[in-house]
C-alpha atoms as a PDB file:
ATOM      1  CA  MET A   1     -13.455  19.274  -0.153  1.00  0.00           C
ATOM      2  CA  TYR A   2     -11.779  22.128  -0.810  1.00  0.00           C
ATOM      3  CA  GLN A   3     -10.440  22.376   2.565  1.00  0.00           C
ATOM      4  CA  TYR A   4      -8.824  18.608   2.379  1.00  0.00           C
ATOM      5  CA  ARG A   5      -7.702  19.661  -0.949  1.00  0.00           C
ATOM      6  CA  THR A   6      -5.456  22.241   1.137  1.00  0.00           C
ATOM      7  CA  HIS A   7      -4.877  20.410   3.714  1.00  0.00           C
ATOM      8  CA  ALA A   8      -3.327  17.431   1.562  1.00  0.00           C
ATOM      9  CA  GLY A   9      -1.164  19.599  -0.406  1.00  0.00           C
ATOM     10  CA  GLN A  10       0.238  21.147   2.712  1.00  0.00           C
ATOM     11  CA  GLN A  11       1.040  17.438   4.214  1.00  0.00           C
ATOM     12  CA  LEU A  12       2.293  16.316   0.302  1.00  0.00           C
ATOM     13  CA  ALA A  13       4.827  19.519   0.431  1.00  0.00           C
ATOM     14  CA  ALA A  14       6.142  18.675   3.983  1.00  0.00           C
ATOM     15  CA  TYR A  15       6.705  15.037   2.868  1.00  0.00           C
ATOM     16  CA  ALA A  16       8.593  15.981  -0.239  1.00  0.00           C
ATOM     17  CA  THR A  17      10.822  18.644   1.765  1.00  0.00           C
ATOM     18  CA  ARG A  18      11.373  16.150   4.543  1.00  0.00           C
ATOM     19  CA  GLU A  19      11.808  13.063   1.921  1.00  0.00           C
ATOM     20  CA  TYR A  20      13.572  14.763  -0.430  1.00  0.00           C
ATOM     21  CA  CYS A  21      14.993  18.242   0.315  1.00  0.00           C
ATOM     22  CA  ALA A  22      16.697  17.085   3.641  1.00  0.00           C
ATOM     23  CA  GLN A  23      18.291  14.526   1.511  1.00  0.00           C
ATOM     24  CA  ILE A  24      20.820  17.266  -0.220  1.00  0.00           C
ATOM     25  CA  PRO A  25      24.117  17.757   1.571  1.00  0.00           C
ATOM     26  CA  SER A  26      23.702  20.841   3.910  1.00  0.00           C
ATOM     27  CA  PHE A  27      26.855  22.728   1.930  1.00  0.00           C
ATOM     28  CA  LEU A  28      24.842  22.990  -1.024  1.00  0.00           C
ATOM     29  CA  VAL A  29      22.989  25.648   0.639  1.00  0.00           C
ATOM     30  CA  THR A  30      21.817  26.731  -3.171  1.00  0.00           C
ATOM     31  CA  LEU A  31      20.454  23.365  -3.960  1.00  0.00           C
ATOM     32  CA  ILE A  32      18.731  23.284  -0.419  1.00  0.00           C
ATOM     33  CA  GLU A  33      16.801  26.527  -1.185  1.00  0.00           C
ATOM     34  CA  GLU A  34      15.823  25.579  -5.093  1.00  0.00           C
ATOM     35  CA  CYS A  35      14.218  22.523  -3.735  1.00  0.00           C
ATOM     36  CA  HIS A  36      12.003  23.897  -1.375  1.00  0.00           C
ATOM     37  CA  ALA A  37      11.153  26.783  -4.212  1.00  0.00           C
ATOM     38  CA  LEU A  38      10.333  23.612  -6.464  1.00  0.00           C
ATOM     39  CA  VAL A  39       8.268  22.310  -3.587  1.00  0.00           C
ATOM     40  CA  ARG A  40       5.960  25.285  -2.605  1.00  0.00           C
ATOM     41  CA  GLU A  41       5.977  26.023  -6.981  1.00  0.00           C
ATOM     42  CA  LEU A  42       4.547  22.437  -7.629  1.00  0.00           C
ATOM     43  CA  GLN A  43       2.044  22.562  -4.526  1.00  0.00           C
ATOM     44  CA  PRO A  44      -0.784  23.407  -6.243  1.00  0.00           C
ATOM     45  CA  GLU A  45      -0.154  20.200  -9.110  1.00  0.00           C
ATOM     46  CA  LEU A  46       0.689  17.983  -6.082  1.00  0.00           C
ATOM     47  CA  GLU A  47      -2.974  19.176  -4.838  1.00  0.00           C
ATOM     48  CA  ALA A  48      -4.424  18.124  -8.115  1.00  0.00           C
ATOM     49  CA  LEU A  49      -3.090  14.868  -8.355  1.00  0.00           C
ATOM     50  CA  PHE A  50      -3.817  14.199  -4.862  1.00  0.00           C
ATOM     51  CA  MET A  51      -7.857  14.739  -5.155  1.00  0.00           C
ATOM     52  CA  ARG A  52      -7.845  12.855  -8.687  1.00  0.00           C
ATOM     53  CA  GLN A  53      -6.957   9.700  -7.132  1.00  0.00           C
ATOM     54  CA  THR A  54      -8.997  10.165  -3.899  1.00  0.00           C
ATOM     55  CA  ARG A  55     -13.002   8.915  -3.201  1.00  0.00           C
ATOM     56  CA  ARG A  56     -14.455  10.821  -0.498  1.00  0.00           C
ATOM     57  CA  GLN A  57     -17.545   9.084   1.276  1.00  0.00           C
ATOM     58  CA  ASN A  58     -20.012  11.404   2.937  1.00  0.00           C
ATOM     59  CA  PHE A  59     -22.065  10.439   6.671  1.00  0.00           C
ATOM     60  CA  ILE A  60     -23.988  12.370   8.275  1.00  0.00           C
ATOM     61  CA  LEU A  61     -21.336  13.419  11.052  1.00  0.00           C
ATOM     62  CA  PHE A  62     -17.669  12.849   9.336  1.00  0.00           C
ATOM     63  CA  SER A  63     -15.898  11.779   5.696  1.00  0.00           C
ATOM     64  CA  LEU A  64     -13.728   9.426   4.890  1.00  0.00           C
ATOM     65  CA  TYR A  65     -10.844   9.751   1.759  1.00  0.00           C
ATOM     66  CA  ALA A  66      -9.396   7.266   0.148  1.00  0.00           C
ATOM     67  CA  THR A  67      -6.699   7.888  -1.483  1.00  0.00           C
ATOM     68  CA  ASP A  68      -4.499   5.941  -3.718  1.00  0.00           C
ATOM     69  CA  LEU A  69      -1.697   8.057  -5.133  1.00  0.00           C
ATOM     70  CA  SER A  70       0.855   6.226  -7.878  1.00  0.00           C
ATOM     71  CA  LEU A  71       3.088   9.336  -8.935  1.00  0.00           C
ATOM     72  CA  LEU A  72       5.005   7.641 -12.013  1.00  0.00           C
ATOM     73  CA  ASN A  73       5.829   3.862 -13.338  1.00  0.00           C
ATOM     74  CA  PHE A  74       8.743   3.835 -15.897  1.00  0.00           C
ATOM     75  CA  GLY A  75       8.500   0.021 -15.545  1.00  0.00           C
ATOM     76  CA  PRO A  76       9.662  -0.809 -19.142  1.00  0.00           C
ATOM     77  CA  LEU A  77      12.646   1.284 -17.980  1.00  0.00           C
ATOM     78  CA  GLY A  78      13.076  -0.912 -15.227  1.00  0.00           C
ATOM     79  CA  ILE A  79      12.257   1.858 -12.733  1.00  0.00           C
ATOM     80  CA  SER A  80       9.016   2.034 -10.450  1.00  0.00           C
ATOM     81  CA  LEU A  81       8.191   4.633  -7.938  1.00  0.00           C
ATOM     82  CA  PRO A  82       6.817   4.022  -4.615  1.00  0.00           C
ATOM     83  CA  THR A  83       2.564   3.876  -4.448  1.00  0.00           C
ATOM     84  CA  TYR A  84       0.812   5.210  -1.215  1.00  0.00           C
ATOM     85  CA  HIS A  85      -2.272   4.590   0.132  1.00  0.00           C
ATOM     86  CA  PHE A  86      -3.721   7.433   2.599  1.00  0.00           C
ATOM     87  CA  GLU A  87      -7.226   6.798   4.758  1.00  0.00           C
ATOM     88  CA  THR A  88      -8.278  10.059   6.699  1.00  0.00           C
ATOM     89  CA  LEU A  89     -11.127  11.202   8.808  1.00  0.00           C
ATOM     90  CA  ALA A  90     -12.696  14.650   8.512  1.00  0.00           C
ATOM     91  CA  VAL A  91     -14.668  15.848  11.848  1.00  0.00           C
ATOM     92  CA  ALA A  92     -15.695  19.241  11.846  1.00  0.00           C
ATOM     93  CA  GLY A  93     -13.222  20.715   9.332  1.00  0.00           C
ATOM     94  CA  GLN A  94     -10.186  18.490  11.077  1.00  0.00           C
ATOM     95  CA  PHE A  95      -8.037  15.834   9.801  1.00  0.00           C
ATOM     96  CA  TYR A  96      -6.717  12.582  11.152  1.00  0.00           C
ATOM     97  CA  THR A  97      -5.029  10.055   8.831  1.00  0.00           C
ATOM     98  CA  TYR A  98      -5.458   6.886  10.059  1.00  0.00           C
ATOM     99  CA  GLU A  99      -3.783   5.000   7.361  1.00  0.00           C
ATOM    100  CA  ILE A 100      -0.871   5.633   5.318  1.00  0.00           C
ATOM    101  CA  ARG A 101       0.851   2.526   3.148  1.00  0.00           C
ATOM    102  CA  GLU A 102       3.607   2.729   0.857  1.00  0.00           C
ATOM    103  CA  GLY A 103       4.418   0.175  -2.025  1.00  0.00           C
ATOM    104  CA  LYS A 104       5.858  -0.453  -5.289  1.00  0.00           C
ATOM    105  CA  ALA A 105       3.873   0.264  -8.631  1.00  0.00           C
ATOM    106  CA  ALA A 106       3.381  -2.460 -10.593  1.00  0.00           C
ATOM    107  CA  PRO A 107       5.721  -2.665 -13.767  1.00  0.00           C
END
């Protein structure tokens, strides 16, 4: 489970960097660097959050991981962040995410 936690944390950090830090205009170099530093700093918390919302099924030769990740829901304020569903196959220490779905958090 530790290997998967590390893998998931790296994937979440890469996603946050790609989706959020990359959106900052290139002339704001200091802000971009701060964004990258914040993602690195929050990676252990992201890993823990991810694992709290993950179910694992063990089989003889492989494991399946299913995660329903919900970050925050500000429904009463009219703001809802996306939710994510991940399904990953683990075989011989390798991880293959074969399904990723994005949805809306329920208000």
